[in-house]
Every structure is written in C-alpha cells, then in structure tokens.
C-alpha cells in the first residue's frame, strides 16, 4: 500500500488517462509526442503539453470521513495562443469536478469539487500555463 496522497494522485492520473485527457506513465518517462503528459509533483520543461498533479493537505476533521485533500492541477501547452491551455484545463475540469463515491486505488473519495483557478501567464518560452485547485473529501484510511 502506498501513502494516501501519492496513491490518490496516481489514481487521478490514471483516471484522466482513461478518459482520454492525457497520457500517464507512472515512471515519468514519455516518448516524444504531442499528447499531454501527466506528472506528479513536478512540472518538467518539456516541449509538449503538461499536466502536473500535486496533493496538499487542506483540512483534517475529527470525523476522518470529512477530511479534505487539495489537488493542485497545473496545465501548460506550447504556443503563444492561450486557448490550448484553457481547453486542456477544461478537459481536466470536465473529468474531476463533481465526482462522487469514487474509488482511488485503496482509498475512497466521497466527492471532488473545483475550488479555484487562475492563469499563470506565459513563461520565458511563451507557453501558457494555468492552475486549478480541487478539493477531495473522504476518509484518510483505506477502503
């Protein structure tokens, strides 16, 4: 069994891949290609679209069923046009926001909701980035 946060974000990465949003390779090694690549915790400087999932604790309740884990989702695409990044961020939203009673590896999420987001602007290579925060509510023990 993996640690809670790692297991959850890897299961979310697999879910995004299963839904056709991006490619997920747990070893982090991707061949060249135009498909978005998913990473956990790192936002590598690749010449392709990137999605990075980073977990962070938000709130622990006395009732562990109501604990909240934040998931920061960073997206970045190539090119000067921000619409590619907006669209990629929207695809992630369409999959994650509003999910309920979901099994994520050994863990269960009672719900996942979008909380906030913003543009990151352009980087030095004129690539657009965005960030979004999702809150996952559920127990912090295996199902």
Protein backbone atom coordinates (compact mmCIF):
# COMPACT_ATOMS: atom_id res chain seq x y z
CA UNK A 1 0.00 0.00 0.00
CA UNK A 2 1.27 3.47 -0.91
CA UNK A 3 0.93 6.65 1.10
CA UNK A 4 -2.50 8.27 0.94
CA UNK A 5 -1.62 11.39 -1.08
CA UNK A 6 0.60 9.58 -3.58
CA UNK A 7 -1.90 6.79 -4.14
CA UNK A 8 -4.77 9.25 -4.66
CA UNK A 9 -2.96 11.46 -7.21
CA UNK A 10 -1.68 8.45 -9.14
CA UNK A 11 -5.23 7.09 -9.29
CA UNK A 12 -6.43 10.51 -10.52
CA UNK A 13 -3.68 10.49 -13.16
CA UNK A 14 -4.86 7.06 -14.32
CA UNK A 15 -8.46 8.31 -14.40
CA UNK A 16 -7.51 11.31 -16.56
CA UNK A 17 -5.63 8.97 -18.90
CA UNK A 18 -8.56 6.53 -19.06
CA UNK A 19 -10.84 9.43 -20.02
CA UNK A 20 -8.51 10.45 -22.86
CA UNK A 21 -7.32 13.75 -21.36
CA UNK A 22 -3.61 12.89 -21.30
CA UNK A 23 -1.03 10.12 -21.21
CA UNK A 24 0.01 8.74 -17.79
CA UNK A 25 3.25 6.84 -17.28
CA UNK A 26 4.00 6.21 -13.59
CA UNK A 27 7.75 6.14 -14.29
CA UNK A 28 7.56 9.71 -15.70
CA UNK A 29 9.31 8.77 -18.95
CA UNK A 30 7.46 9.84 -22.09
CA UNK A 31 8.46 9.37 -25.72
CA UNK A 32 8.24 12.44 -27.92
CA UNK A 33 4.70 13.21 -28.92
CA UNK A 34 2.00 15.86 -28.97
CA UNK A 35 -0.24 14.28 -26.29
CA UNK A 36 -0.35 15.94 -22.89
CA UNK A 37 1.78 14.11 -20.31
CA UNK A 38 0.79 13.77 -16.64
CA UNK A 39 3.30 14.18 -13.81
CA UNK A 40 3.01 14.07 -10.02
CA UNK A 41 4.56 16.96 -8.12
CA UNK A 42 6.97 18.12 -10.83
CA UNK A 43 6.32 20.41 -13.79
CA UNK A 44 9.08 19.46 -16.25
CA UNK A 45 10.33 21.68 -19.02
CA UNK A 46 9.22 19.53 -21.96
CA UNK A 47 8.24 20.54 -25.49
CA UNK A 48 4.73 19.10 -25.14
CA UNK A 49 1.57 19.85 -23.14
CA UNK A 50 1.95 19.00 -19.45
CA UNK A 51 -0.44 18.35 -16.57
CA UNK A 52 1.01 18.25 -13.05
CA UNK A 53 -0.95 16.90 -10.09
CA UNK A 54 0.26 17.96 -6.65
CA UNK A 55 -1.55 16.95 -3.44
CA UNK A 56 -1.63 19.16 -0.36
CA UNK A 57 -3.48 18.82 2.95
CA UNK A 58 -6.35 21.27 3.46
CA UNK A 59 -8.37 20.20 6.47
CA UNK A 60 -8.45 17.31 8.92
CA UNK A 61 -11.70 16.79 10.78
CA UNK A 62 -12.43 14.90 13.96
CA UNK A 63 -14.59 12.72 11.72
CA UNK A 64 -11.94 11.47 9.25
CA UNK A 65 -14.66 10.88 6.66
CA UNK A 66 -14.76 14.64 6.19
CA UNK A 67 -11.02 15.24 5.71
CA UNK A 68 -10.12 17.36 2.70
CA UNK A 69 -7.14 16.81 0.41
CA UNK A 70 -6.32 19.56 -2.07
CA UNK A 71 -5.14 18.66 -5.56
CA UNK A 72 -3.37 21.41 -7.47
CA UNK A 73 -3.62 20.84 -11.22
CA UNK A 74 -1.14 22.82 -13.32
CA UNK A 75 -1.54 22.77 -17.09
CA UNK A 76 0.76 24.16 -19.78
CA UNK A 77 0.69 24.00 -23.56
CA UNK A 78 3.03 25.03 -26.34
CA UNK A 79 2.49 28.15 -28.41
CA UNK A 80 1.51 31.76 -27.99
CA UNK A 81 -2.24 31.12 -28.05
CA UNK A 82 -3.69 30.62 -24.53
CA UNK A 83 -6.71 28.68 -25.80
CA UNK A 84 -4.84 25.37 -25.84
CA UNK A 85 -4.16 25.66 -22.13
CA UNK A 86 -7.69 26.85 -21.41
CA UNK A 87 -9.05 23.81 -23.29
CA UNK A 88 -6.71 21.36 -21.52
CA UNK A 89 -7.65 22.81 -18.14
CA UNK A 90 -11.32 22.48 -19.14
CA UNK A 91 -10.89 18.80 -20.01
CA UNK A 92 -9.47 18.15 -16.54
CA UNK A 93 -12.40 20.05 -15.00
CA UNK A 94 -14.91 18.04 -17.02
CA UNK A 95 -13.49 14.79 -15.60
CA UNK A 96 -12.84 15.75 -11.97
CA UNK A 97 -15.43 18.30 -10.87
CA UNK A 98 -18.48 16.75 -9.26
CA UNK A 99 -17.23 13.18 -8.99
CA UNK A 100 -18.79 11.33 -6.07
CA UNK A 101 -18.27 7.97 -4.35
CA UNK A 102 -15.10 7.23 -6.27
CA UNK A 103 -12.56 4.51 -5.55
CA UNK A 104 -8.99 5.84 -5.98
CA UNK A 105 -6.58 2.98 -5.51
CA UNK A 106 -7.02 1.79 -1.93
CA UNK A 107 -8.88 4.98 -0.98
CA UNK A 108 -12.39 6.32 -1.35
CA UNK A 109 -13.40 9.87 -2.22
CA UNK A 110 -16.91 10.94 -1.30
CA UNK A 111 -16.63 13.96 -3.62
CA UNK A 112 -14.24 16.06 -5.69
CA UNK A 113 -15.07 19.71 -6.32
CA UNK A 114 -13.30 22.52 -8.17
CA UNK A 115 -12.40 25.35 -5.77
CA UNK A 116 -10.36 27.97 -7.62
CA UNK A 117 -8.09 28.59 -10.55
CA UNK A 118 -6.11 31.23 -12.39
CA UNK A 119 -3.84 31.80 -15.34
CA UNK A 120 -0.11 31.53 -14.77
CA UNK A 121 0.54 33.72 -17.81
CA UNK A 122 3.32 32.98 -20.25
CA UNK A 123 6.71 31.59 -19.32
CA UNK A 124 10.03 32.61 -20.92
CA UNK A 125 9.31 30.36 -23.92
CA UNK A 126 5.88 31.99 -24.45
CA UNK A 127 3.98 28.89 -23.28
CA UNK A 128 0.72 29.49 -21.43
CA UNK A 129 0.01 27.97 -18.03
CA UNK A 130 -2.96 27.68 -15.70
CA UNK A 131 -3.51 26.30 -12.25
CA UNK A 132 -6.66 24.91 -10.66
CA UNK A 133 -7.41 23.60 -7.19
CA UNK A 134 -9.76 20.72 -6.46
CA UNK A 135 -10.85 19.55 -3.01
CA UNK A 136 -11.25 15.84 -2.46
CA UNK A 137 -13.36 14.92 0.58
CA UNK A 138 -13.16 11.46 2.07
CA UNK A 139 -11.64 9.18 4.70
CA UNK A 140 -7.90 9.02 5.19
CA UNK A 141 -7.83 5.27 5.64
CA UNK A 142 -8.03 2.51 3.05
CA UNK A 143 -11.48 1.42 1.91
